[in-house]
Structures are given as C-alpha cells and as structure tokens.
Amino acid sequence: MNLHELNAYAVAGKIDELNLISLEGGIYLLEARMHGAAYPLSDAHGQMLHLRSVEHAREVLHAFPKLPFNLIHASVHDEMCGLSASGDDSLRVPLTARSA
C-alpha cells in the first residue's frame, strides 16, 4: 500500500489504525491495519517506506484524516542471551498524529 492508497482508505473509514514500528538503527516503518491484517506502507518505488522519527511520520501524515496512531517497539528478548519471548511483548504507545 502506498500513501495515496492509504489516504483513500482512510477517507473511506476503512483503516483501523496506523502503527509506526521502531527498528534497531533508528529506522521506522509505517503499517496500516485493516480488518485485522497489516499492510506495510511503500514509497513511490515500491520499497518499504522508511521514516526517520515520530516527527517525520507526523509530517508525512499531516493531511490525513485523524486515525488511531501507535508507536510499536518490538521485544528484544529473542536477541538477548538466555531470555525467551513469551507471547507478544512489544511495547505499544498511543500517539497523536499531530504535534502537540
């Protein structure tokens, strides 16, 4: 899904939420959730849309309709020696799409 498609689905009221996924190295990916399925956002070249920060995501989304918007930090348990992940341990922080 690209930003144009996301906007069309958002205007139609079909987007359940947007998730900004924080990855190691200061990379953020945006996904839209519709009907329980995740749709990663792609750029004009069909590649994953990489964002630099929460503020960058807000800039990209400034003209979109208001949607539930979350910052997701994945669990690092599977990368830590001796610890195992149990269920979904990701951290979900609700955000506003507009700067305060």
PDB file of N, CA and C in Angstrom:
ATOM      1  N   MET A   1       0.853  -1.171   0.000  1.00  0.00           N
ATOM      2  CA  MET A   1       0.000   0.000   0.000  1.00  0.00           C
ATOM      3  C   MET A   1       0.901   1.237   0.000  1.00  0.00           C
ATOM      4  N   ASN A   2       0.578   2.204  -0.840  1.00  0.00           N
ATOM      5  CA  ASN A   2       1.335   3.449  -0.839  1.00  0.00           C
ATOM      6  C   ASN A   2       0.542   4.536  -0.098  1.00  0.00           C
ATOM      7  N   LEU A   3       1.106   5.722   0.010  1.00  0.00           N
ATOM      8  CA  LEU A   3       0.459   6.790   0.773  1.00  0.00           C
ATOM      9  C   LEU A   3      -0.845   7.246   0.129  1.00  0.00           C
ATOM     10  N   HIS A   4      -0.894   7.258  -1.192  1.00  0.00           N
ATOM     11  CA  HIS A   4      -2.126   7.647  -1.883  1.00  0.00           C
ATOM     12  C   HIS A   4      -3.255   6.663  -1.566  1.00  0.00           C
ATOM     13  N   GLU A   5      -2.946   5.369  -1.626  1.00  0.00           N
ATOM     14  CA  GLU A   5      -3.943   4.346  -1.293  1.00  0.00           C
ATOM     15  C   GLU A   5      -4.350   4.441   0.171  1.00  0.00           C
ATOM     16  N   LEU A   6      -3.362   4.668   1.049  1.00  0.00           N
ATOM     17  CA  LEU A   6      -3.672   4.819   2.474  1.00  0.00           C
ATOM     18  C   LEU A   6      -4.655   5.958   2.688  1.00  0.00           C
ATOM     19  N   ASN A   7      -4.410   7.088   2.039  1.00  0.00           N
ATOM     20  CA  ASN A   7      -5.306   8.236   2.203  1.00  0.00           C
ATOM     21  C   ASN A   7      -6.711   7.897   1.722  1.00  0.00           C
ATOM     22  N   ALA A   8      -6.833   7.219   0.595  1.00  0.00           N
ATOM     23  CA  ALA A   8      -8.148   6.842   0.067  1.00  0.00           C
ATOM     24  C   ALA A   8      -8.884   5.911   1.038  1.00  0.00           C
ATOM     25  N   TYR A   9      -8.174   4.924   1.575  1.00  0.00           N
ATOM     26  CA  TYR A   9      -8.790   4.020   2.557  1.00  0.00           C
ATOM     27  C   TYR A   9      -9.149   4.759   3.844  1.00  0.00           C
ATOM     28  N   ALA A  10      -8.307   5.690   4.258  1.00  0.00           N
ATOM     29  CA  ALA A  10      -8.576   6.457   5.479  1.00  0.00           C
ATOM     30  C   ALA A  10      -9.816   7.334   5.311  1.00  0.00           C
ATOM     31  N   VAL A  11      -9.927   8.007   4.178  1.00  0.00           N
ATOM     32  CA  VAL A  11     -11.096   8.846   3.903  1.00  0.00           C
ATOM     33  C   VAL A  11     -12.365   7.992   3.881  1.00  0.00           C
ATOM     34  N   ALA A  12     -12.261   6.771   3.371  1.00  0.00           N
ATOM     35  CA  ALA A  12     -13.407   5.856   3.314  1.00  0.00           C
ATOM     36  C   ALA A  12     -13.713   5.212   4.661  1.00  0.00           C
ATOM     37  N   GLY A  13     -12.857   5.474   5.672  1.00  0.00           N
ATOM     38  CA  GLY A  13     -13.093   4.918   7.005  1.00  0.00           C
ATOM     39  C   GLY A  13     -12.732   3.459   7.151  1.00  0.00           C
ATOM     40  N   LYS A  14     -11.856   2.950   6.299  1.00  0.00           N
ATOM     41  CA  LYS A  14     -11.518   1.526   6.307  1.00  0.00           C
ATOM     42  C   LYS A  14     -10.264   1.188   7.102  1.00  0.00           C
ATOM     43  N   ILE A  15      -9.495   2.182   7.541  1.00  0.00           N
ATOM     44  CA  ILE A  15      -8.263   1.936   8.298  1.00  0.00           C
ATOM     45  C   ILE A  15      -8.602   1.843   9.779  1.00  0.00           C
ATOM     46  N   ASP A  16      -8.212   0.736  10.408  1.00  0.00           N
ATOM     47  CA  ASP A  16      -8.445   0.559  11.850  1.00  0.00           C
ATOM     48  C   ASP A  16      -7.441   1.349  12.673  1.00  0.00           C
ATOM     49  N   GLU A  17      -6.168   1.311  12.263  1.00  0.00           N
ATOM     50  CA  GLU A  17      -5.123   2.035  12.983  1.00  0.00           C
ATOM     51  C   GLU A  17      -3.863   2.091  12.135  1.00  0.00           C
ATOM     52  N   LEU A  18      -2.983   3.000  12.505  1.00  0.00           N
ATOM     53  CA  LEU A  18      -1.656   3.091  11.911  1.00  0.00           C
ATOM     54  C   LEU A  18      -0.646   2.769  12.993  1.00  0.00           C
ATOM     55  N   ASN A  19       0.366   1.988  12.640  1.00  0.00           N
ATOM     56  CA  ASN A  19       1.431   1.647  13.572  1.00  0.00           C
ATOM     57  C   ASN A  19       2.766   2.088  12.998  1.00  0.00           C
ATOM     58  N   LEU A  20       3.507   2.826  13.797  1.00  0.00           N
ATOM     59  CA  LEU A  20       4.858   3.230  13.448  1.00  0.00           C
ATOM     60  C   LEU A  20       5.776   2.275  14.187  1.00  0.00           C
ATOM     61  N   ILE A  21       6.470   1.429  13.456  1.00  0.00           N
ATOM     62  CA  ILE A  21       7.266   0.364  14.057  1.00  0.00           C
ATOM     63  C   ILE A  21       8.709   0.809  14.141  1.00  0.00           C
ATOM     64  N   SER A  22       9.235   0.846  15.359  1.00  0.00           N
ATOM     65  CA  SER A  22      10.604   1.262  15.608  1.00  0.00           C
ATOM     66  C   SER A  22      11.528   0.050  15.509  1.00  0.00           C
ATOM     67  N   LEU A  23      12.534   0.166  14.631  1.00  0.00           N
ATOM     68  CA  LEU A  23      13.508  -0.901  14.448  1.00  0.00           C
ATOM     69  C   LEU A  23      14.878  -0.427  14.912  1.00  0.00           C
ATOM     70  N   GLU A  24      15.744  -1.378  15.160  1.00  0.00           N
ATOM     71  CA  GLU A  24      17.103  -1.062  15.549  1.00  0.00           C
ATOM     72  C   GLU A  24      17.764  -0.202  14.475  1.00  0.00           C
ATOM     73  N   GLY A  25      18.558   0.761  14.901  1.00  0.00           N
ATOM     74  CA  GLY A  25      19.270   1.619  13.964  1.00  0.00           C
ATOM     75  C   GLY A  25      18.531   2.901  13.637  1.00  0.00           C
ATOM     76  N   GLY A  26      17.477   3.216  14.381  1.00  0.00           N
ATOM     77  CA  GLY A  26      16.749   4.454  14.150  1.00  0.00           C
ATOM     78  C   GLY A  26      15.890   4.448  12.900  1.00  0.00           C
ATOM     79  N   ILE A  27      15.431   3.280  12.503  1.00  0.00           N
ATOM     80  CA  ILE A  27      14.557   3.156  11.335  1.00  0.00           C
ATOM     81  C   ILE A  27      13.132   2.942  11.818  1.00  0.00           C
ATOM     82  N   TYR A  28      12.212   3.619  11.172  1.00  0.00           N
ATOM     83  CA  TYR A  28      10.798   3.479  11.492  1.00  0.00           C
ATOM     84  C   TYR A  28      10.055   3.074  10.226  1.00  0.00           C
ATOM     85  N   LEU A  29       9.173   2.100  10.361  1.00  0.00           N
ATOM     86  CA  LEU A  29       8.324   1.656   9.254  1.00  0.00           C
ATOM     87  C   LEU A  29       6.878   1.921   9.635  1.00  0.00           C
ATOM     88  N   LEU A  30       6.064   2.232   8.666  1.00  0.00           N
ATOM     89  CA  LEU A  30       4.661   2.527   8.909  1.00  0.00           C
ATOM     90  C   LEU A  30       3.812   1.400   8.340  1.00  0.00           C
ATOM     91  N   GLU A  31       2.852   0.939   9.136  1.00  0.00           N
ATOM     92  CA  GLU A  31       1.911  -0.064   8.640  1.00  0.00           C
ATOM     93  C   GLU A  31       0.501   0.390   8.955  1.00  0.00           C
ATOM     94  N   ALA A  32      -0.400   0.079   8.045  1.00  0.00           N
ATOM     95  CA  ALA A  32      -1.825   0.320   8.249  1.00  0.00           C
ATOM     96  C   ALA A  32      -2.458  -1.015   8.590  1.00  0.00           C
ATOM     97  N   ARG A  33      -3.446  -0.985   9.477  1.00  0.00           N
ATOM     98  CA  ARG A  33      -4.176  -2.206   9.815  1.00  0.00           C
ATOM     99  C   ARG A  33      -5.623  -2.031   9.376  1.00  0.00           C
ATOM    100  N   MET A  34      -6.073  -3.022   8.583  1.00  0.00           N
ATOM    101  CA  MET A  34      -7.456  -3.059   8.105  1.00  0.00           C
ATOM    102  C   MET A  34      -7.986  -4.470   8.295  1.00  0.00           C
ATOM    103  N   HIS A  35      -9.123  -4.571   8.933  1.00  0.00           N
ATOM    104  CA  HIS A  35      -9.797  -5.865   9.109  1.00  0.00           C
ATOM    105  C   HIS A  35      -8.858  -6.910   9.696  1.00  0.00           C
ATOM    106  N   GLY A  36      -8.008  -6.515  10.647  1.00  0.00           N
ATOM    107  CA  GLY A  36      -7.113  -7.449  11.321  1.00  0.00           C
ATOM    108  C   GLY A  36      -5.839  -7.783  10.574  1.00  0.00           C
ATOM    109  N   ALA A  37      -5.646  -7.251   9.385  1.00  0.00           N
ATOM    110  CA  ALA A  37      -4.438  -7.534   8.599  1.00  0.00           C
ATOM    111  C   ALA A  37      -3.549  -6.293   8.551  1.00  0.00           C
ATOM    112  N   ALA A  38      -2.239  -6.532   8.488  1.00  0.00           N
ATOM    113  CA  ALA A  38      -1.258  -5.447   8.430  1.00  0.00           C
ATOM    114  C   ALA A  38      -0.842  -5.212   6.985  1.00  0.00           C
ATOM    115  N   TYR A  39      -0.776  -3.947   6.607  1.00  0.00           N
ATOM    116  CA  TYR A  39      -0.350  -3.548   5.267  1.00  0.00           C
ATOM    117  C   TYR A  39       0.807  -2.560   5.404  1.00  0.00           C
ATOM    118  N   PRO A  40       2.035  -3.000   5.139  1.00  0.00           N
ATOM    119  CA  PRO A  40       3.176  -2.087   5.229  1.00  0.00           C
ATOM    120  C   PRO A  40       3.077  -1.010   4.142  1.00  0.00           C
ATOM    121  N   LEU A  41       3.525   0.179   4.467  1.00  0.00           N
ATOM    122  CA  LEU A  41       3.495   1.285   3.520  1.00  0.00           C
ATOM    123  C   LEU A  41       4.738   1.271   2.649  1.00  0.00           C
ATOM    124  N   SER A  42       4.554   1.547   1.377  1.00  0.00           N
ATOM    125  CA  SER A  42       5.674   1.576   0.448  1.00  0.00           C
ATOM    126  C   SER A  42       5.810   2.979  -0.152  1.00  0.00           C
ATOM    127  N   ASP A  43       7.005   3.256  -0.652  1.00  0.00           N
ATOM    128  CA  ASP A  43       7.266   4.551  -1.273  1.00  0.00           C
ATOM    129  C   ASP A  43       6.887   4.501  -2.755  1.00  0.00           C
ATOM    130  N   ALA A  44       7.220   5.556  -3.485  1.00  0.00           N
ATOM    131  CA  ALA A  44       6.860   5.655  -4.903  1.00  0.00           C
ATOM    132  C   ALA A  44       7.553   4.608  -5.767  1.00  0.00           C
ATOM    133  N   HIS A  45       8.621   3.989  -5.249  1.00  0.00           N
ATOM    134  CA  HIS A  45       9.361   2.973  -5.996  1.00  0.00           C
ATOM    135  C   HIS A  45       8.973   1.554  -5.579  1.00  0.00           C
ATOM    136  N   GLY A  46       7.966   1.428  -4.715  1.00  0.00           N
ATOM    137  CA  GLY A  46       7.525   0.117  -4.266  1.00  0.00           C
ATOM    138  C   GLY A  46       8.364  -0.473  -3.145  1.00  0.00           C
ATOM    139  N   GLN A  47       9.297   0.306  -2.607  1.00  0.00           N
ATOM    140  CA  GLN A  47      10.144  -0.140  -1.491  1.00  0.00           C
ATOM    141  C   GLN A  47       9.486   0.250  -0.173  1.00  0.00           C
ATOM    142  N   MET A  48       9.868  -0.426   0.901  1.00  0.00           N
ATOM    143  CA  MET A  48       9.337  -0.085   2.214  1.00  0.00           C
ATOM    144  C   MET A  48       9.588   1.394   2.500  1.00  0.00           C
ATOM    145  N   LEU A  49       8.572   2.079   2.999  1.00  0.00           N
ATOM    146  CA  LEU A  49       8.688   3.487   3.339  1.00  0.00           C
ATOM    147  C   LEU A  49       9.436   3.604   4.660  1.00  0.00           C
ATOM    148  N   HIS A  50      10.660   4.139   4.613  1.00  0.00           N
ATOM    149  CA  HIS A  50      11.480   4.313   5.809  1.00  0.00           C
ATOM    150  C   HIS A  50      11.303   5.735   6.310  1.00  0.00           C
ATOM    151  N   LEU A  51      11.022   5.864   7.587  1.00  0.00           N
ATOM    152  CA  LEU A  51      10.884   7.165   8.223  1.00  0.00           C
ATOM    153  C   LEU A  51      11.996   7.341   9.250  1.00  0.00           C
ATOM    154  N   ARG A  52      12.340   8.587   9.560  1.00  0.00           N
ATOM    155  CA  ARG A  52      13.466   8.880  10.452  1.00  0.00           C
ATOM    156  C   ARG A  52      13.078   9.002  11.914  1.00  0.00           C
ATOM    157  N   SER A  53      11.805   9.343  12.176  1.00  0.00           N
ATOM    158  CA  SER A  53      11.400   9.620  13.548  1.00  0.00           C
ATOM    159  C   SER A  53       9.882   9.708  13.636  1.00  0.00           C
ATOM    160  N   VAL A  54       9.398   9.867  14.851  1.00  0.00           N
ATOM    161  CA  VAL A  54       7.966  10.085  15.059  1.00  0.00           C
ATOM    162  C   VAL A  54       7.558  11.389  14.384  1.00  0.00           C
ATOM    163  N   GLU A  55       8.375  12.427  14.525  1.00  0.00           N
ATOM    164  CA  GLU A  55       8.056  13.713  13.904  1.00  0.00           C
ATOM    165  C   GLU A  55       8.017  13.605  12.383  1.00  0.00           C
ATOM    166  N   HIS A  56       8.919  12.833  11.795  1.00  0.00           N
ATOM    167  CA  HIS A  56       8.894  12.625  10.346  1.00  0.00           C
ATOM    168  C   HIS A  56       7.578  11.957   9.939  1.00  0.00           C
ATOM    169  N   ALA A  57       7.139  10.970  10.705  1.00  0.00           N
ATOM    170  CA  ALA A  57       5.860  10.304  10.420  1.00  0.00           C
ATOM    171  C   ALA A  57       4.713  11.302  10.511  1.00  0.00           C
ATOM    172  N   ARG A  58       4.749  12.166  11.509  1.00  0.00           N
ATOM    173  CA  ARG A  58       3.698  13.179  11.646  1.00  0.00           C
ATOM    174  C   ARG A  58       3.679  14.123  10.447  1.00  0.00           C
ATOM    175  N   GLU A  59       4.866  14.482   9.947  1.00  0.00           N
ATOM    176  CA  GLU A  59       4.941  15.339   8.757  1.00  0.00           C
ATOM    177  C   GLU A  59       4.303  14.644   7.558  1.00  0.00           C
ATOM    178  N   VAL A  60       4.604  13.378   7.376  1.00  0.00           N
ATOM    179  CA  VAL A  60       4.057  12.609   6.249  1.00  0.00           C
ATOM    180  C   VAL A  60       2.539  12.481   6.358  1.00  0.00           C
ATOM    181  N   LEU A  61       2.028  12.357   7.579  1.00  0.00           N
ATOM    182  CA  LEU A  61       0.598  12.098   7.801  1.00  0.00           C
ATOM    183  C   LEU A  61      -0.222  13.352   8.093  1.00  0.00           C
ATOM    184  N   HIS A  62       0.375  14.528   8.025  1.00  0.00           N
ATOM    185  CA  HIS A  62      -0.303  15.747   8.484  1.00  0.00           C
ATOM    186  C   HIS A  62      -1.644  16.020   7.792  1.00  0.00           C
ATOM    187  N   ALA A  63      -1.802  15.669   6.540  1.00  0.00           N
ATOM    188  CA  ALA A  63      -3.044  15.958   5.818  1.00  0.00           C
ATOM    189  C   ALA A  63      -4.038  14.794   5.838  1.00  0.00           C
ATOM    190  N   PHE A  64      -3.697  13.709   6.503  1.00  0.00           N
ATOM    191  CA  PHE A  64      -4.570  12.537   6.548  1.00  0.00           C
ATOM    192  C   PHE A  64      -5.676  12.732   7.580  1.00  0.00           C
ATOM    193  N   PRO A  65      -6.793  12.032   7.417  1.00  0.00           N
ATOM    194  CA  PRO A  65      -7.824  12.069   8.457  1.00  0.00           C
ATOM    195  C   PRO A  65      -7.257  11.551   9.783  1.00  0.00           C
ATOM    196  N   LYS A  66      -7.862  11.960  10.874  1.00  0.00           N
ATOM    197  CA  LYS A  66      -7.421  11.513  12.193  1.00  0.00           C
ATOM    198  C   LYS A  66      -7.676  10.011  12.327  1.00  0.00           C
ATOM    199  N   LEU A  67      -6.606   9.268  12.695  1.00  0.00           N
ATOM    200  CA  LEU A  67      -6.669   7.816  12.852  1.00  0.00           C
ATOM    201  C   LEU A  67      -5.970   7.422  14.139  1.00  0.00           C
ATOM    202  N   PRO A  68      -6.348   6.299  14.751  1.00  0.00           N
ATOM    203  CA  PRO A  68      -5.552   5.790  15.874  1.00  0.00           C
ATOM    204  C   PRO A  68      -4.126   5.548  15.379  1.00  0.00           C
ATOM    205  N   PHE A  69      -3.149   6.004  16.142  1.00  0.00           N
ATOM    206  CA  PHE A  69      -1.750   6.008  15.717  1.00  0.00           C
ATOM    207  C   PHE A  69      -0.907   5.529  16.888  1.00  0.00           C
ATOM    208  N   ASN A  70      -0.109   4.478  16.685  1.00  0.00           N
ATOM    209  CA  ASN A  70       0.682   3.875  17.762  1.00  0.00           C
ATOM    210  C   ASN A  70       2.143   3.769  17.364  1.00  0.00           C
ATOM    211  N   LEU A  71       3.000   3.935  18.363  1.00  0.00           N
ATOM    212  CA  LEU A  71       4.423   3.647  18.203  1.00  0.00           C
ATOM    213  C   LEU A  71       4.640   2.256  18.763  1.00  0.00           C
ATOM    214  N   ILE A  72       5.260   1.374  17.991  1.00  0.00           N
ATOM    215  CA  ILE A  72       5.490  -0.012  18.393  1.00  0.00           C
ATOM    216  C   ILE A  72       6.992  -0.257  18.500  1.00  0.00           C
ATOM    217  N   HIS A  73       7.405  -0.702  19.685  1.00  0.00           N
ATOM    218  CA  HIS A  73       8.785  -1.148  19.887  1.00  0.00           C
ATOM    219  C   HIS A  73       8.730  -2.655  20.057  1.00  0.00           C
ATOM    220  N   ALA A  74       9.374  -3.383  19.159  1.00  0.00           N
ATOM    221  CA  ALA A  74       9.368  -4.846  19.233  1.00  0.00           C
ATOM    222  C   ALA A  74      10.168  -5.323  20.439  1.00  0.00           C
ATOM    223  N   SER A  75       9.811  -6.478  20.937  1.00  0.00           N
ATOM    224  CA  SER A  75      10.529  -7.085  22.049  1.00  0.00           C
ATOM    225  C   SER A  75      11.930  -7.484  21.612  1.00  0.00           C
ATOM    226  N   VAL A  76      12.891  -7.299  22.509  1.00  0.00           N
ATOM    227  CA  VAL A  76      14.266  -7.681  22.195  1.00  0.00           C
ATOM    228  C   VAL A  76      14.648  -8.992  22.876  1.00  0.00           C
ATOM    229  N   HIS A  77      13.699  -9.666  23.519  1.00  0.00           N
ATOM    230  CA  HIS A  77      14.018 -10.896  24.246  1.00  0.00           C
ATOM    231  C   HIS A  77      14.685 -11.947  23.376  1.00  0.00           C
ATOM    232  N   ASP A  78      14.239 -12.061  22.119  1.00  0.00           N
ATOM    233  CA  ASP A  78      14.817 -13.092  21.259  1.00  0.00           C
ATOM    234  C   ASP A  78      16.248 -12.763  20.853  1.00  0.00           C
ATOM    235  N   GLU A  79      16.686 -11.522  21.077  1.00  0.00           N
ATOM    236  CA  GLU A  79      18.055 -11.145  20.755  1.00  0.00           C
ATOM    237  C   GLU A  79      18.967 -11.195  21.974  1.00  0.00           C
ATOM    238  N   MET A  80      18.379 -11.403  23.149  1.00  0.00           N
ATOM    239  CA  MET A  80      19.165 -11.399  24.384  1.00  0.00           C
ATOM    240  C   MET A  80      19.496 -12.833  24.785  1.00  0.00           C
ATOM    241  N   CYS A  81      20.695 -13.059  25.133  1.00  0.00           N
ATOM    242  CA  CYS A  81      21.159 -14.387  25.517  1.00  0.00           C
ATOM    243  C   CYS A  81      20.450 -14.852  26.789  1.00  0.00           C
ATOM    244  N   GLY A  82      19.856 -16.026  26.730  1.00  0.00           N
ATOM    245  CA  GLY A  82      19.265 -16.628  27.917  1.00  0.00           C
ATOM    246  C   GLY A  82      17.826 -16.250  28.183  1.00  0.00           C
ATOM    247  N   LEU A  83      17.242 -15.351  27.422  1.00  0.00           N
ATOM    248  CA  LEU A  83      15.851 -14.974  27.640  1.00  0.00           C
ATOM    249  C   LEU A  83      15.026 -15.416  26.447  1.00  0.00           C
ATOM    250  N   SER A  84      13.812 -15.853  26.724  1.00  0.00           N
ATOM    251  CA  SER A  84      12.923 -16.239  25.631  1.00  0.00           C
ATOM    252  C   SER A  84      11.704 -15.331  25.632  1.00  0.00           C
ATOM    253  N   ALA A  85      11.193 -15.095  24.472  1.00  0.00           N
ATOM    254  CA  ALA A  85      10.000 -14.259  24.354  1.00  0.00           C
ATOM    255  C   ALA A  85       8.784 -15.082  24.740  1.00  0.00           C
ATOM    256  N   SER A  86       7.855 -14.436  25.416  1.00  0.00           N
ATOM    257  CA  SER A  86       6.610 -15.106  25.786  1.00  0.00           C
ATOM    258  C   SER A  86       5.446 -14.288  25.262  1.00  0.00           C
ATOM    259  N   GLY A  87       4.835 -14.747  24.174  1.00  0.00           N
ATOM    260  CA  GLY A  87       3.720 -14.020  23.585  1.00  0.00           C
ATOM    261  C   GLY A  87       4.196 -12.757  22.888  1.00  0.00           C
ATOM    262  N   ASP A  88       3.324 -11.780  22.818  1.00  0.00           N
ATOM    263  CA  ASP A  88       3.649 -10.503  22.182  1.00  0.00           C
ATOM    264  C   ASP A  88       4.100  -9.530  23.252  1.00  0.00           C
ATOM    265  N   ASP A  89       5.404  -9.358  23.390  1.00  0.00           N
ATOM    266  CA  ASP A  89       5.952  -8.475  24.407  1.00  0.00           C
ATOM    267  C   ASP A  89       6.292  -7.096  23.867  1.00  0.00           C
ATOM    268  N   SER A  90       5.790  -6.764  22.688  1.00  0.00           N
ATOM    269  CA  SER A  90       6.115  -5.463  22.125  1.00  0.00           C
ATOM    270  C   SER A  90       5.446  -4.360  22.935  1.00  0.00           C
ATOM    271  N   LEU A  91       6.097  -3.212  22.951  1.00  0.00           N
ATOM    272  CA  LEU A  91       5.596  -2.041  23.642  1.00  0.00           C
ATOM    273  C   LEU A  91       4.782  -1.221  22.658  1.00  0.00           C
ATOM    274  N   ARG A  92       3.549  -0.905  23.003  1.00  0.00           N
ATOM    275  CA  ARG A  92       2.641  -0.127  22.143  1.00  0.00           C
ATOM    276  C   ARG A  92       2.316   1.171  22.878  1.00  0.00           C
ATOM    277  N   VAL A  93       2.697   2.296  22.255  1.00  0.00           N
ATOM    278  CA  VAL A  93       2.467   3.610  22.838  1.00  0.00           C
ATOM    279  C   VAL A  93       1.560   4.409  21.913  1.00  0.00           C
ATOM    280  N   PRO A  94       0.354   4.761  22.383  1.00  0.00           N
ATOM    281  CA  PRO A  94      -0.535   5.593  21.547  1.00  0.00           C
ATOM    282  C   PRO A  94       0.083   6.981  21.332  1.00  0.00           C
ATOM    283  N   LEU A  95      -0.020   7.485  20.103  1.00  0.00           N
ATOM    284  CA  LEU A  95       0.496   8.802  19.743  1.00  0.00           C
ATOM    285  C   LEU A  95      -0.624   9.621  19.118  1.00  0.00           C
ATOM    286  N   THR A  96      -0.396  10.912  19.023  1.00  0.00           N
ATOM    287  CA  THR A  96      -1.276  11.742  18.219  1.00  0.00           C
ATOM    288  C   THR A  96      -0.593  11.949  16.885  1.00  0.00           C
ATOM    289  N   ALA A  97      -1.351  12.001  15.834  1.00  0.00           N
ATOM    290  CA  ALA A  97      -0.771  12.207  14.504  1.00  0.00           C
ATOM    291  C   ALA A  97      -0.325  13.646  14.322  1.00  0.00           C
ATOM    292  N   ARG A  98      -0.819  14.545  15.145  1.00  0.00           N
ATOM    293  CA  ARG A  98      -0.418  15.961  15.074  1.00  0.00           C
ATOM    294  C   ARG A  98       0.540  16.261  16.221  1.00  0.00           C
ATOM    295  N   SER A  99       1.494  17.127  15.988  1.00  0.00           N
ATOM    296  CA  SER A  99       2.412  17.555  17.047  1.00  0.00           C
ATOM    297  C   SER A  99       1.638  18.340  18.094  1.00  0.00           C
ATOM    298  N   ALA A 100       2.057  18.193  19.317  1.00  0.00           N
ATOM    299  CA  ALA A 100       1.359  18.906  20.408  1.00  0.00           C
ATOM    300  C   ALA A 100       1.741  20.355  20.443  1.00  0.00           C
TER     301      ALA A 100
END
